[in-house]
Protein backbone atom coordinates (compact mmCIF):
# COMPACT_ATOMS: atom_id res chain seq x y z
CA UNK A 1 68.48 -6.48 -65.63
CA UNK A 2 70.91 -3.64 -66.03
CA UNK A 3 73.46 -2.61 -63.46
CA UNK A 4 71.75 0.77 -63.10
CA UNK A 5 68.35 -0.86 -62.31
CA UNK A 6 69.93 -3.19 -59.74
CA UNK A 7 71.55 -0.25 -58.01
CA UNK A 8 68.24 1.63 -57.92
CA UNK A 9 66.44 -1.33 -56.28
CA UNK A 10 69.22 -1.80 -53.74
CA UNK A 11 69.12 1.88 -52.88
CA UNK A 12 65.32 1.77 -52.45
CA UNK A 13 65.60 -1.33 -50.23
CA UNK A 14 68.20 0.39 -48.10
CA UNK A 15 65.93 3.45 -47.72
CA UNK A 16 62.97 1.25 -46.71
CA UNK A 17 65.11 -0.60 -44.19
CA UNK A 18 66.36 2.66 -42.77
CA UNK A 19 62.81 4.00 -42.55
CA UNK A 20 61.65 0.81 -40.82
CA UNK A 21 64.51 0.99 -38.33
CA UNK A 22 63.68 4.63 -37.67
CA UNK A 23 59.99 3.79 -37.22
CA UNK A 24 60.78 1.00 -34.79
CA UNK A 25 63.14 3.27 -32.86
CA UNK A 26 60.49 5.98 -32.63
CA UNK A 27 57.88 3.46 -31.51
CA UNK A 28 60.27 2.20 -28.85
CA UNK A 29 60.85 5.77 -27.71
CA UNK A 30 57.09 6.34 -27.67
CA UNK A 31 56.59 3.22 -25.53
CA UNK A 32 59.22 4.48 -23.14
CA UNK A 33 57.52 7.90 -22.99
CA UNK A 34 54.13 6.21 -22.38
CA UNK A 35 55.65 4.19 -19.57
CA UNK A 36 57.19 7.35 -18.11
CA UNK A 37 53.87 9.20 -18.37
CA UNK A 38 52.12 6.27 -16.68
CA UNK A 39 54.72 6.26 -13.93
CA UNK A 40 54.19 9.96 -13.28
CA UNK A 41 50.40 9.61 -13.53
CA UNK A 42 50.57 6.88 -10.89
CA UNK A 43 52.79 9.05 -8.71
CA UNK A 44 50.39 11.95 -9.22
CA UNK A 45 47.51 9.68 -8.15
CA UNK A 46 49.35 8.80 -4.94
CA UNK A 47 49.83 12.50 -4.15
CA UNK A 48 46.19 13.21 -4.98
CA UNK A 49 45.02 10.46 -2.62
CA UNK A 50 47.18 11.80 0.19
CA UNK A 51 45.76 15.30 -0.40
CA UNK A 52 42.27 13.78 -0.33
CA UNK A 53 42.96 12.11 3.03
CA UNK A 54 44.21 15.39 4.50
CA UNK A 55 41.16 17.25 3.18
CA UNK A 56 38.84 14.60 4.56
CA UNK A 57 40.39 14.88 8.03
CA UNK A 58 40.12 18.67 7.88
CA UNK A 59 36.58 18.66 6.51
CA UNK A 60 37.64 20.45 3.31
CA UNK A 61 35.81 19.96 0.02
CA UNK A 62 37.63 17.70 -2.45
CA UNK A 63 37.12 20.03 -5.41
CA UNK A 64 38.84 23.42 -5.33
CA UNK A 65 37.95 25.35 -8.53
CA UNK A 66 40.38 28.18 -7.75
CA UNK A 67 43.29 25.74 -7.39
CA UNK A 68 42.29 23.95 -10.60
CA UNK A 69 42.22 27.22 -12.55
CA UNK A 70 45.65 28.18 -11.20
CA UNK A 71 47.12 24.85 -12.33
CA UNK A 72 45.56 25.07 -15.80
CA UNK A 73 46.75 28.66 -16.28
CA UNK A 74 50.26 27.70 -15.19
CA UNK A 75 50.35 24.74 -17.58
CA UNK A 76 49.10 26.86 -20.48
CA UNK A 77 51.79 29.44 -19.77
CA UNK A 78 54.46 26.70 -19.75
CA UNK A 79 53.14 25.02 -22.93
CA UNK A 80 56.01 24.64 -25.47
CA UNK A 81 53.74 23.21 -28.21
CA UNK A 82 52.95 21.63 -30.56
CA UNK A 83 49.60 21.15 -28.73
CA UNK A 84 47.67 24.38 -28.45
CA UNK A 85 46.61 25.69 -25.04
CA UNK A 86 43.00 24.51 -25.45
CA UNK A 87 44.15 20.93 -25.99
CA UNK A 88 46.51 21.09 -23.01
CA UNK A 89 43.69 22.39 -20.80
CA UNK A 90 41.39 19.61 -22.01
CA UNK A 91 43.96 16.87 -21.36
CA UNK A 92 44.73 18.08 -17.85
CA UNK A 93 41.08 18.72 -16.96
CA UNK A 94 40.48 15.06 -17.81
CA UNK A 95 43.35 14.07 -15.52
CA UNK A 96 41.97 16.31 -12.75
CA UNK A 97 38.48 14.80 -13.11
CA UNK A 98 39.91 11.27 -12.91
CA UNK A 99 41.85 12.29 -9.81
CA UNK A 100 38.71 13.61 -8.11
CA UNK A 101 36.92 10.35 -8.94
CA UNK A 102 39.83 8.43 -7.41
CA UNK A 103 39.55 10.47 -4.19
CA UNK A 104 35.81 9.88 -4.11
CA UNK A 105 36.19 6.10 -4.51
CA UNK A 106 38.74 5.93 -1.71
CA UNK A 107 36.53 8.06 0.55
CA UNK A 108 33.50 5.84 -0.15
CA UNK A 109 35.53 2.70 0.57
CA UNK A 110 36.61 4.19 3.89
CA UNK A 111 33.07 4.96 5.05
CA UNK A 112 31.81 3.12 8.11
CA UNK A 113 28.77 1.99 6.10
CA UNK A 114 30.92 0.55 3.31
CA UNK A 115 31.03 -3.20 2.79
CA UNK A 116 34.62 -2.82 1.62
CA UNK A 117 35.53 -1.67 5.11
CA UNK A 118 33.13 -4.03 6.90
CA UNK A 119 32.66 -7.19 4.76
CA UNK A 120 30.43 -9.03 7.24
CA UNK A 121 26.69 -8.34 7.43
CA UNK A 122 25.61 -6.27 10.41
CA UNK A 123 22.80 -7.93 12.37
CA UNK A 124 20.62 -5.56 14.38
CA UNK A 125 19.07 -7.22 17.41
CA UNK A 126 15.74 -6.01 18.74
CA UNK A 127 14.80 -8.34 21.56
CA UNK A 128 14.48 -11.81 20.04
CA UNK A 129 14.43 -10.45 16.48
CA UNK A 130 17.74 -10.44 14.59
CA UNK A 131 17.33 -8.21 11.55
CA UNK A 132 19.80 -9.15 8.85
CA UNK A 133 20.41 -12.68 10.09
CA UNK A 134 18.61 -14.40 7.21
CA UNK A 135 15.01 -14.64 8.43
CA UNK A 136 12.84 -11.74 7.18
CA UNK A 137 11.38 -9.50 9.88
CA UNK A 138 7.97 -7.82 9.71
CA UNK A 139 7.34 -4.41 11.27
CA UNK A 140 3.61 -3.73 11.47
CA UNK A 141 1.18 -1.37 13.13
CA UNK A 142 -0.99 1.67 12.58
CA UNK A 143 0.15 4.78 10.74
CA UNK A 144 -0.86 6.87 13.76
CA UNK A 145 -1.52 5.90 17.34
CA UNK A 146 -5.09 7.13 17.77
CA UNK A 147 -6.24 5.39 20.94
CA UNK A 148 -5.36 2.63 23.37
CA UNK A 149 -8.08 0.34 21.98
CA UNK A 150 -6.97 0.79 18.36
CA UNK A 151 -3.31 0.13 19.14
CA UNK A 152 -4.07 -2.81 21.42
CA UNK A 153 -6.14 -4.54 18.73
CA UNK A 154 -3.23 -4.45 16.30
CA UNK A 155 -0.72 -5.49 18.97
CA UNK A 156 -2.85 -8.49 19.90
CA UNK A 157 -2.97 -9.58 16.24
CA UNK A 158 0.80 -9.31 15.96
CA UNK A 159 1.28 -11.44 19.06
CA UNK A 160 -1.14 -14.07 17.73
CA UNK A 161 0.88 -14.21 14.52
CA UNK A 162 4.13 -14.64 16.42
CA UNK A 163 5.51 -11.24 15.46
CA UNK A 164 7.44 -8.87 17.69
CA UNK A 165 7.92 -5.46 16.06
CA UNK A 166 5.04 -3.01 16.57
CA UNK A 167 5.22 0.25 14.67
CA UNK A 168 3.08 3.29 15.36
CA UNK A 169 3.30 7.01 14.79
CA UNK A 170 3.09 9.23 17.86
CA UNK A 171 4.72 12.28 16.24
CA UNK A 172 3.39 12.72 12.71
CA UNK A 173 5.13 15.02 10.21
CA UNK A 174 2.24 15.92 7.92
CA UNK A 175 2.32 17.90 4.69
CA UNK A 176 -0.60 20.05 5.83
CA UNK A 177 -0.36 21.78 9.22
CA UNK A 178 -4.09 21.11 9.64
CA UNK A 179 -3.85 17.31 9.39
CA UNK A 180 -3.67 15.07 12.47
CA UNK A 181 -0.20 15.53 13.97
CA UNK A 182 -0.27 12.55 16.35
CA UNK A 183 -0.69 12.22 20.11
CA UNK A 184 2.95 12.94 20.91
CA UNK A 185 4.24 11.48 24.15
CA UNK A 186 0.76 10.25 25.05
CA UNK A 187 0.96 8.10 21.91
CA UNK A 188 4.34 6.75 22.96
CA UNK A 189 2.94 5.82 26.35
CA UNK A 190 0.11 3.88 24.69
CA UNK A 191 2.60 2.05 22.46
CA UNK A 192 4.74 1.11 25.44
CA UNK A 193 1.78 -0.07 27.48
CA UNK A 194 0.34 -2.39 24.83
CA UNK A 195 3.78 -3.57 23.73
CA UNK A 196 4.63 -4.60 27.28
CA UNK A 197 1.27 -6.35 27.62
CA UNK A 198 1.95 -8.56 24.58
CA UNK A 199 5.75 -8.80 24.78
CA UNK A 200 6.37 -6.63 21.71
CA UNK A 201 9.05 -4.11 20.75
CA UNK A 202 8.15 -0.54 19.75
CA UNK A 203 9.28 1.16 16.53
CA UNK A 204 8.31 4.84 16.37
CA UNK A 205 9.45 8.04 14.74
CA UNK A 206 11.09 10.94 16.55
CA UNK A 207 11.22 14.31 14.81
CA UNK A 208 13.58 16.42 16.89
CA UNK A 209 16.90 15.83 18.69
CA UNK A 210 15.55 17.36 21.90
CA UNK A 211 12.82 14.70 22.08
CA UNK A 212 15.14 11.71 21.81
CA UNK A 213 16.16 11.29 25.44
CA UNK A 214 12.60 11.71 26.71
CA UNK A 215 11.34 9.17 24.16
CA UNK A 216 13.86 6.42 24.86
CA UNK A 217 11.95 4.82 27.78
CA UNK A 218 9.07 4.16 25.38
CA UNK A 219 10.88 3.15 22.17
CA UNK A 220 12.98 0.11 21.26
CA UNK A 221 13.81 1.24 17.70
CA UNK A 222 13.99 4.93 16.82
CA UNK A 223 12.67 5.71 13.36
CA UNK A 224 14.01 8.68 11.43
CA UNK A 225 11.51 9.46 8.70
CA UNK A 226 12.01 10.36 5.07
CA UNK A 227 11.52 14.07 5.68
CA UNK A 228 14.25 14.00 8.33
CA UNK A 229 16.82 11.92 6.45
CA UNK A 230 19.05 14.98 6.19
CA UNK A 231 18.17 16.50 9.56
CA UNK A 232 21.84 16.34 10.52
CA UNK A 233 21.31 17.43 14.12
CA UNK A 234 18.87 14.53 14.57
CA UNK A 235 21.23 12.09 12.82
CA UNK A 236 24.10 13.10 15.09
CA UNK A 237 21.90 12.80 18.18
CA UNK A 238 20.77 9.34 17.05
CA UNK A 239 24.42 8.36 16.88
CA UNK A 240 24.74 8.85 20.63
CA UNK A 241 21.82 6.69 21.78
CA UNK A 242 21.81 3.02 22.75
CA UNK A 243 18.89 2.07 20.51
CA UNK A 244 18.77 0.77 16.95
CA UNK A 245 17.80 3.37 14.35
CA UNK A 246 15.56 2.70 11.37
CA UNK A 247 16.54 5.33 8.81
CA UNK A 248 14.18 5.99 5.93
CA UNK A 249 15.36 7.19 2.54
CA UNK A 250 14.40 10.76 1.70
CA UNK A 251 11.65 11.47 -0.81
CA UNK A 252 14.10 12.47 -3.54
CA UNK A 253 17.39 11.28 -2.07
CA UNK A 254 19.98 9.45 -4.10
CA UNK A 255 21.42 6.21 -2.78
CA UNK A 256 24.70 8.03 -2.14
CA UNK A 257 22.92 10.67 -0.03
CA UNK A 258 21.10 7.89 1.82
CA UNK A 259 24.38 6.16 2.67
CA UNK A 260 25.94 9.40 3.88
CA UNK A 261 22.94 10.02 6.14
CA UNK A 262 23.54 6.60 7.73
CA UNK A 263 27.23 7.47 7.99
CA UNK A 264 26.35 10.38 10.29
CA UNK A 265 24.77 7.94 12.76
CA UNK A 266 27.60 5.41 12.60
CA UNK A 267 30.27 8.10 12.79
CA UNK A 268 28.77 9.33 16.07
CA UNK A 269 28.95 5.91 17.68
CA UNK A 270 25.78 3.95 16.92
CA UNK A 271 26.43 0.92 14.68
CA UNK A 272 22.86 -0.40 14.80
CA UNK A 273 21.27 1.17 11.75
CA UNK A 274 18.58 -0.33 9.52
CA UNK A 275 18.22 1.26 6.09
CA UNK A 276 14.61 1.60 4.92
CA UNK A 277 13.66 2.04 1.28
CA UNK A 278 10.15 3.57 1.16
CA UNK A 279 9.84 4.73 -2.41
CA UNK A 280 11.03 7.94 -4.00
CA UNK A 281 9.17 10.79 -5.65
CA UNK A 282 8.91 10.57 -9.43
CA UNK A 283 6.47 11.87 -12.05
CA UNK A 284 4.33 8.74 -11.65
CA UNK A 285 0.92 9.28 -10.01
CA UNK A 286 -0.41 5.71 -9.97
CA UNK A 287 1.31 5.16 -6.62
CA UNK A 288 2.09 7.47 -3.72
CA UNK A 289 5.81 7.01 -4.41
CA UNK A 290 7.83 4.82 -6.75
CA UNK A 291 9.42 1.84 -5.02
CA UNK A 292 13.08 1.77 -6.06
CA UNK A 293 13.49 -1.99 -5.87
CA UNK A 294 17.01 -1.71 -7.33
CA UNK A 295 18.04 0.13 -4.15
CA UNK A 296 17.75 -3.12 -2.18
CA UNK A 297 20.50 -5.13 -3.95
CA UNK A 298 22.64 -2.00 -4.34
CA UNK A 299 22.47 -1.21 -0.63
CA UNK A 300 23.11 -4.85 0.22
CA UNK A 301 26.16 -4.88 -2.07
CA UNK A 302 27.64 -1.53 -1.08
CA UNK A 303 26.85 -1.49 2.66
CA UNK A 304 26.81 -4.06 5.44
CA UNK A 305 23.62 -2.73 7.03
CA UNK A 306 20.28 -4.58 6.97
CA UNK A 307 17.68 -3.24 4.53
CA UNK A 308 13.97 -2.85 5.20
CA UNK A 309 11.30 -2.03 2.60
CA UNK A 310 8.24 -0.03 3.63
CA UNK A 311 5.71 -1.28 1.10
CA UNK A 312 2.91 0.87 2.53
CA UNK A 313 4.51 4.24 1.87
CA UNK A 314 5.95 3.10 -1.43
CA UNK A 315 2.50 2.18 -2.73
CA UNK A 316 0.09 4.48 -0.93
CA UNK A 317 -2.60 1.92 -1.79
CA UNK A 318 -3.41 -1.39 -0.19
CA UNK A 319 -4.14 -3.45 -3.33
CA UNK A 320 -0.49 -3.88 -4.40
CA UNK A 321 1.19 -4.38 -1.02
CA UNK A 322 1.62 -8.12 -1.54
CA UNK A 323 3.44 -8.02 -4.90
CA UNK A 324 5.68 -5.22 -3.66
CA UNK A 325 6.53 -7.26 -0.55
CA UNK A 326 7.33 -10.30 -2.68
CA UNK A 327 9.56 -8.21 -4.93
CA UNK A 328 11.36 -6.71 -1.92
CA UNK A 329 12.12 -10.10 -0.37
CA UNK A 330 13.15 -11.54 -3.74
CA UNK A 331 15.58 -8.61 -4.12
CA UNK A 332 17.16 -9.44 -0.76
CA UNK A 333 15.35 -7.24 1.78
CA UNK A 334 15.88 -8.18 5.42
CA UNK A 335 12.60 -6.72 6.68
CA UNK A 336 9.21 -5.44 5.56
CA UNK A 337 7.14 -2.63 7.02
CA UNK A 338 3.37 -2.47 6.63
CA UNK A 339 0.65 -0.33 8.20
CA UNK A 340 -2.24 -2.12 9.91
CA UNK A 341 -5.39 -0.54 11.38
CA UNK A 342 -8.48 -2.23 12.87
CA UNK A 343 -10.72 0.04 10.76
CA UNK A 344 -8.70 1.77 8.02
CA UNK A 345 -11.78 3.52 6.66
CA UNK A 346 -11.97 5.71 9.78
CA UNK A 347 -8.21 6.17 10.29
CA UNK A 348 -7.08 9.69 11.13
CA UNK A 349 -4.17 9.46 8.68
CA UNK A 350 -3.45 7.63 5.41
CA UNK A 351 -6.67 5.61 5.44
CA UNK A 352 -6.28 4.46 1.83
CA UNK A 353 -2.97 2.70 2.35
CA UNK A 354 -3.55 0.77 5.59
CA UNK A 355 -4.87 -2.80 5.71
CA UNK A 356 -7.27 -4.17 8.28
CA UNK A 357 -6.36 -7.09 10.50
CA UNK A 358 -7.87 -9.88 8.33
CA UNK A 359 -6.16 -8.41 5.26
CA UNK A 360 -2.89 -8.29 7.19
CA UNK A 361 -3.22 -11.94 8.20
CA UNK A 362 -3.85 -12.92 4.57
CA UNK A 363 -0.86 -10.83 3.41
CA UNK A 364 1.37 -12.40 6.06
CA UNK A 365 0.17 -15.90 5.22
CA UNK A 366 1.09 -15.46 1.57
CA UNK A 367 4.53 -14.11 2.50
CA UNK A 368 5.08 -17.16 4.70
CA UNK A 369 3.86 -19.50 2.01
CA UNK A 370 6.38 -18.15 -0.49
CA UNK A 371 9.36 -17.28 1.73
CA UNK A 372 9.01 -19.41 4.84
CA UNK A 373 9.31 -18.14 8.40
CA UNK A 374 9.18 -14.45 9.30
CA UNK A 375 9.79 -12.84 12.68
């Protein structure tokens, strides 16, 4: 090989080595820049979280579109290139969105309902019944309190079955203003009378904050219905009472909205809240609502509150109440709610979804056969 060829190869090798050294140096510089960017991103996240805490204490919305636009405009004006302004805006909007998500996660973890803040299960005690303690509870009774005789017949059946929680509607929020609206306080008095006769506890819905105090002598568990899940005045008032609250999920409420509704009650001083999944409104017409069975394990994982499933309102039909109840308990529900009427065919409200007393006994027997004791 000639001297000239050898020199050419040596020169090429030297150039390749130089290029490799340059590449490695640039990669090292890039790693250092990445580390510096990460350090500043982490510092930015700390500042964002502190801003979020201040906003939360002041009741200010996390997202401020005016402030975001000001920051983006300022960054675009400062942009030295080579990225164009559109790219810079896109990069920083992604950072802003991640920062908002970080604030949201911290806020959710700080909620009183959050299991991250309160790892232990909350057990709500209603007389001898401990909801959330491991033994499923059953809440049963007529959709509406119609008479003393009707309510007493159901209460007697509950006592014979060893159950304690008697539900009954005295104030009925109905879609039509011409449907039966309930007996009001007269209905509560009937519930209290028959409950005391058989040693039961009363679960009944209250519609307005101004009725709460007057209703407390008659009610052991205050129910807040689906239509009132975001009646914030009622939620706040329920936070000030010394009774457990059974809070039903709204007809179209997300799980997040449901948790925040419960947060209102806890934040105002009442820790004894039972979350009740009762089906949500979808396009499906085969059932009255669509039972969101996934809500049960999600609520159990994300909150420390006991979870009840109202199979009656989820189905709107009596023929599938048993499989829905089985599914609810298998998913981890702490309680079931079912409507029972001595003669459903003549009920003044929701006749098609209530079971009679023999059907209730059969339903309960199958639940016991599969899941053991209930209270």
